[in-house]
Amino acid sequence: MIITPLQIRFNDMDPMKRVNNATYSSYLELGRLDFCNKYLKIDQLEDIPFVLIRIEMDIKSSLKPLENAEVHTWVSYIGTTSWKFQYKILNPINNQIYVEAETVQVYFNYRLDKKENIPSSFRKILEKEMNLT
């Protein structure tokens, strides 16, 4: 599981002093970025081997300024050309869950502008982060 600490910024807030619902997607993106930083060597944008095709998110509780939060990211499914990341945004101190989410990524070759089967080397990386719970 990849754990990404979050820094809640003033800009993340809505007028009700809660994290804006659109900001949660950016937090999920930080989890995917940590996945890339952990496993991939990316010198150019075209080196990123996937494209995001779906986001599903349930906001369970409002995240407010000065609260501790982190994104937990793991792989829950691996197909032929796609896989799913599962996420929880939670408070690491009391385990309060703010968001549960899922994204679907497709293995994509940007240089050829087409999706491809997940190569075995990348599948092994995904399997390292797989958690079926």
C-alpha atoms as a PDB file:
ATOM      1  CA  MET A   1       0.000   0.000   0.000  1.00  0.00           C
ATOM      2  CA  ILE A   2       1.241   3.456  -0.864  1.00  0.00           C
ATOM      3  CA  ILE A   3       0.623   6.062   1.832  1.00  0.00           C
ATOM      4  CA  THR A   4       0.721   9.723   0.839  1.00  0.00           C
ATOM      5  CA  PRO A   5       0.522  12.391   3.562  1.00  0.00           C
ATOM      6  CA  LEU A   6      -1.649  15.363   2.607  1.00  0.00           C
ATOM      7  CA  GLN A   7      -1.111  19.010   3.292  1.00  0.00           C
ATOM      8  CA  ILE A   8      -4.500  20.727   3.369  1.00  0.00           C
ATOM      9  CA  ARG A   9      -4.104  24.140   1.754  1.00  0.00           C
ATOM     10  CA  PHE A  10      -6.316  27.190   2.061  1.00  0.00           C
ATOM     11  CA  ASN A  11      -6.947  26.929  -1.680  1.00  0.00           C
ATOM     12  CA  ASP A  12      -8.461  23.435  -1.151  1.00  0.00           C
ATOM     13  CA  MET A  13     -11.366  24.846   0.862  1.00  0.00           C
ATOM     14  CA  ASP A  14     -14.872  25.749  -0.199  1.00  0.00           C
ATOM     15  CA  PRO A  15     -16.846  28.654   1.386  1.00  0.00           C
ATOM     16  CA  MET A  16     -18.044  26.299   4.158  1.00  0.00           C
ATOM     17  CA  LYS A  17     -14.411  25.729   5.303  1.00  0.00           C
ATOM     18  CA  ARG A  18     -14.313  22.132   4.100  1.00  0.00           C
ATOM     19  CA  VAL A  19     -12.199  20.550   1.398  1.00  0.00           C
ATOM     20  CA  ASN A  20     -13.959  21.189  -1.906  1.00  0.00           C
ATOM     21  CA  ASN A  21     -15.323  17.993  -3.456  1.00  0.00           C
ATOM     22  CA  ALA A  22     -13.299  18.511  -6.670  1.00  0.00           C
ATOM     23  CA  THR A  23     -10.079  18.710  -4.652  1.00  0.00           C
ATOM     24  CA  TYR A  24     -10.390  15.083  -3.544  1.00  0.00           C
ATOM     25  CA  SER A  25      -9.582  13.983  -7.107  1.00  0.00           C
ATOM     26  CA  SER A  26      -6.324  15.924  -6.869  1.00  0.00           C
ATOM     27  CA  TYR A  27      -5.513  14.086  -3.651  1.00  0.00           C
ATOM     28  CA  LEU A  28      -6.064  10.754  -5.437  1.00  0.00           C
ATOM     29  CA  GLU A  29      -3.729  11.954  -8.159  1.00  0.00           C
ATOM     30  CA  LEU A  30      -1.022  12.452  -5.512  1.00  0.00           C
ATOM     31  CA  GLY A  31      -1.388   8.771  -4.631  1.00  0.00           C
ATOM     32  CA  ARG A  32      -0.932   7.784  -8.280  1.00  0.00           C
ATOM     33  CA  LEU A  33       2.066  10.105  -8.506  1.00  0.00           C
ATOM     34  CA  ASP A  34       3.646   8.386  -5.497  1.00  0.00           C
ATOM     35  CA  PHE A  35       3.045   5.052  -7.251  1.00  0.00           C
ATOM     36  CA  CYS A  36       4.893   6.391 -10.314  1.00  0.00           C
ATOM     37  CA  ASN A  37       7.726   7.785  -8.202  1.00  0.00           C
ATOM     38  CA  LYS A  38       8.103   4.474  -6.371  1.00  0.00           C
ATOM     39  CA  TYR A  39       8.181   2.183  -9.402  1.00  0.00           C
ATOM     40  CA  LEU A  40       8.777   4.073 -12.645  1.00  0.00           C
ATOM     41  CA  LYS A  41      11.519   6.130 -14.226  1.00  0.00           C
ATOM     42  CA  ILE A  42       9.778   9.027 -15.920  1.00  0.00           C
ATOM     43  CA  ASP A  43      11.986  11.426 -17.843  1.00  0.00           C
ATOM     44  CA  GLN A  44       9.266  12.693 -20.198  1.00  0.00           C
ATOM     45  CA  LEU A  45       5.485  12.824 -19.942  1.00  0.00           C
ATOM     46  CA  GLU A  46       5.275  10.151 -22.631  1.00  0.00           C
ATOM     47  CA  ASP A  47       7.018   7.759 -20.219  1.00  0.00           C
ATOM     48  CA  ILE A  48       3.881   7.546 -18.078  1.00  0.00           C
ATOM     49  CA  PRO A  49       2.470   4.150 -19.085  1.00  0.00           C
ATOM     50  CA  PHE A  50      -1.206   4.697 -18.373  1.00  0.00           C
ATOM     51  CA  VAL A  51      -4.208   6.904 -18.868  1.00  0.00           C
ATOM     52  CA  LEU A  52      -6.957   7.438 -16.307  1.00  0.00           C
ATOM     53  CA  ILE A  53     -10.371   6.470 -17.697  1.00  0.00           C
ATOM     54  CA  ARG A  54     -12.689   6.369 -14.674  1.00  0.00           C
ATOM     55  CA  ILE A  55     -13.060   7.881 -11.208  1.00  0.00           C
ATOM     56  CA  GLU A  56     -15.641   6.804  -8.664  1.00  0.00           C
ATOM     57  CA  MET A  57     -15.667   8.492  -5.276  1.00  0.00           C
ATOM     58  CA  ASP A  58     -17.777   8.422  -2.120  1.00  0.00           C
ATOM     59  CA  ILE A  59     -17.325  11.296   0.312  1.00  0.00           C
ATOM     60  CA  LYS A  60     -17.970   9.827   3.756  1.00  0.00           C
ATOM     61  CA  SER A  61     -17.086  12.810   5.928  1.00  0.00           C
ATOM     62  CA  SER A  62     -15.917  16.376   5.407  1.00  0.00           C
ATOM     63  CA  LEU A  63     -12.212  17.039   5.645  1.00  0.00           C
ATOM     64  CA  LYS A  64     -11.529  20.364   7.333  1.00  0.00           C
ATOM     65  CA  PRO A  65      -8.460  22.564   7.821  1.00  0.00           C
ATOM     66  CA  LEU A  66      -5.873  21.452  10.381  1.00  0.00           C
ATOM     67  CA  GLU A  67      -7.050  17.831  10.305  1.00  0.00           C
ATOM     68  CA  ASN A  68      -4.480  15.139   9.624  1.00  0.00           C
ATOM     69  CA  ALA A  69      -5.070  13.225   6.422  1.00  0.00           C
ATOM     70  CA  GLU A  70      -3.349  10.822   4.084  1.00  0.00           C
ATOM     71  CA  VAL A  71      -4.224   8.891   0.952  1.00  0.00           C
ATOM     72  CA  HIS A  72      -3.878   5.122   0.980  1.00  0.00           C
ATOM     73  CA  THR A  73      -3.529   3.701  -2.542  1.00  0.00           C
ATOM     74  CA  TRP A  74      -3.467   0.058  -3.597  1.00  0.00           C
ATOM     75  CA  VAL A  75      -4.279  -2.146  -6.573  1.00  0.00           C
ATOM     76  CA  SER A  76      -7.518  -4.140  -6.325  1.00  0.00           C
ATOM     77  CA  TYR A  77      -7.817  -5.618  -9.818  1.00  0.00           C
ATOM     78  CA  ILE A  78      -5.531  -6.357 -12.766  1.00  0.00           C
ATOM     79  CA  GLY A  79      -6.961  -7.152 -16.193  1.00  0.00           C
ATOM     80  CA  THR A  80      -5.411  -7.544 -19.625  1.00  0.00           C
ATOM     81  CA  THR A  81      -5.075  -3.835 -20.463  1.00  0.00           C
ATOM     82  CA  SER A  82      -6.419  -2.131 -17.332  1.00  0.00           C
ATOM     83  CA  TRP A  83      -6.259  -2.166 -13.546  1.00  0.00           C
ATOM     84  CA  LYS A  84      -8.021  -0.544 -10.621  1.00  0.00           C
ATOM     85  CA  PHE A  85      -6.560   1.545  -7.846  1.00  0.00           C
ATOM     86  CA  GLN A  86      -8.558   1.708  -4.620  1.00  0.00           C
ATOM     87  CA  TYR A  87      -8.101   4.635  -2.258  1.00  0.00           C
ATOM     88  CA  LYS A  88      -8.997   5.777   1.206  1.00  0.00           C
ATOM     89  CA  ILE A  89      -8.432   9.309   2.381  1.00  0.00           C
ATOM     90  CA  LEU A  90      -8.352   9.062   6.138  1.00  0.00           C
ATOM     91  CA  ASN A  91      -7.084  10.524   9.357  1.00  0.00           C
ATOM     92  CA  PRO A  92      -4.068   8.408  10.401  1.00  0.00           C
ATOM     93  CA  ILE A  93      -4.574   9.233  14.074  1.00  0.00           C
ATOM     94  CA  ASN A  94      -8.192   8.142  14.573  1.00  0.00           C
ATOM     95  CA  ASN A  95      -8.770   6.279  11.253  1.00  0.00           C
ATOM     96  CA  GLN A  96     -11.759   8.450  10.356  1.00  0.00           C
ATOM     97  CA  ILE A  97     -12.491   7.875   6.673  1.00  0.00           C
ATOM     98  CA  TYR A  98     -13.173  10.956   4.579  1.00  0.00           C
ATOM     99  CA  VAL A  99     -13.249   9.411   1.101  1.00  0.00           C
ATOM    100  CA  GLU A 100     -13.344   5.963  -0.471  1.00  0.00           C
ATOM    101  CA  ALA A 101     -12.581   5.891  -4.175  1.00  0.00           C
ATOM    102  CA  GLU A 102     -11.667   3.775  -7.152  1.00  0.00           C
ATOM    103  CA  THR A 103     -10.014   4.647 -10.435  1.00  0.00           C
ATOM    104  CA  VAL A 104      -9.486   2.618 -13.582  1.00  0.00           C
ATOM    105  CA  GLN A 105      -6.312   3.052 -15.590  1.00  0.00           C
ATOM    106  CA  VAL A 106      -5.489   1.639 -19.021  1.00  0.00           C
ATOM    107  CA  TYR A 107      -1.949   0.743 -19.982  1.00  0.00           C
ATOM    108  CA  PHE A 108      -1.241   3.265 -22.739  1.00  0.00           C
ATOM    109  CA  ASN A 109       1.592   3.975 -25.142  1.00  0.00           C
ATOM    110  CA  TYR A 110       1.556   7.735 -25.680  1.00  0.00           C
ATOM    111  CA  ARG A 111       4.196   7.582 -28.391  1.00  0.00           C
ATOM    112  CA  LEU A 112       1.977   5.260 -30.469  1.00  0.00           C
ATOM    113  CA  ASP A 113      -1.275   6.810 -29.165  1.00  0.00           C
ATOM    114  CA  LYS A 114      -2.848   3.441 -28.331  1.00  0.00           C
ATOM    115  CA  LYS A 115      -3.650   1.150 -25.456  1.00  0.00           C
ATOM    116  CA  GLU A 116      -1.603  -1.989 -25.019  1.00  0.00           C
ATOM    117  CA  ASN A 117      -1.674  -5.156 -22.966  1.00  0.00           C
ATOM    118  CA  ILE A 118      -0.043  -4.768 -19.574  1.00  0.00           C
ATOM    119  CA  PRO A 119       3.495  -6.157 -19.985  1.00  0.00           C
ATOM    120  CA  SER A 120       4.617  -8.797 -17.485  1.00  0.00           C
ATOM    121  CA  SER A 121       7.235  -6.456 -15.957  1.00  0.00           C
ATOM    122  CA  PHE A 122       4.570  -3.856 -15.168  1.00  0.00           C
ATOM    123  CA  ARG A 123       2.088  -6.526 -14.040  1.00  0.00           C
ATOM    124  CA  LYS A 124       4.652  -7.608 -11.410  1.00  0.00           C
ATOM    125  CA  ILE A 125       4.764  -4.038 -10.108  1.00  0.00           C
ATOM    126  CA  LEU A 126       0.967  -3.948  -9.873  1.00  0.00           C
ATOM    127  CA  GLU A 127       0.937  -7.298  -8.096  1.00  0.00           C
ATOM    128  CA  LYS A 128       3.304  -5.891  -5.435  1.00  0.00           C
ATOM    129  CA  GLU A 129       0.667  -3.268  -4.593  1.00  0.00           C
ATOM    130  CA  MET A 130      -2.328  -5.603  -4.832  1.00  0.00           C
ATOM    131  CA  ASN A 131      -4.599  -5.909  -1.836  1.00  0.00           C
ATOM    132  CA  LEU A 132      -7.956  -7.666  -2.080  1.00  0.00           C
ATOM    133  CA  THR A 133      -9.284  -6.556   1.311  1.00  0.00           C
END
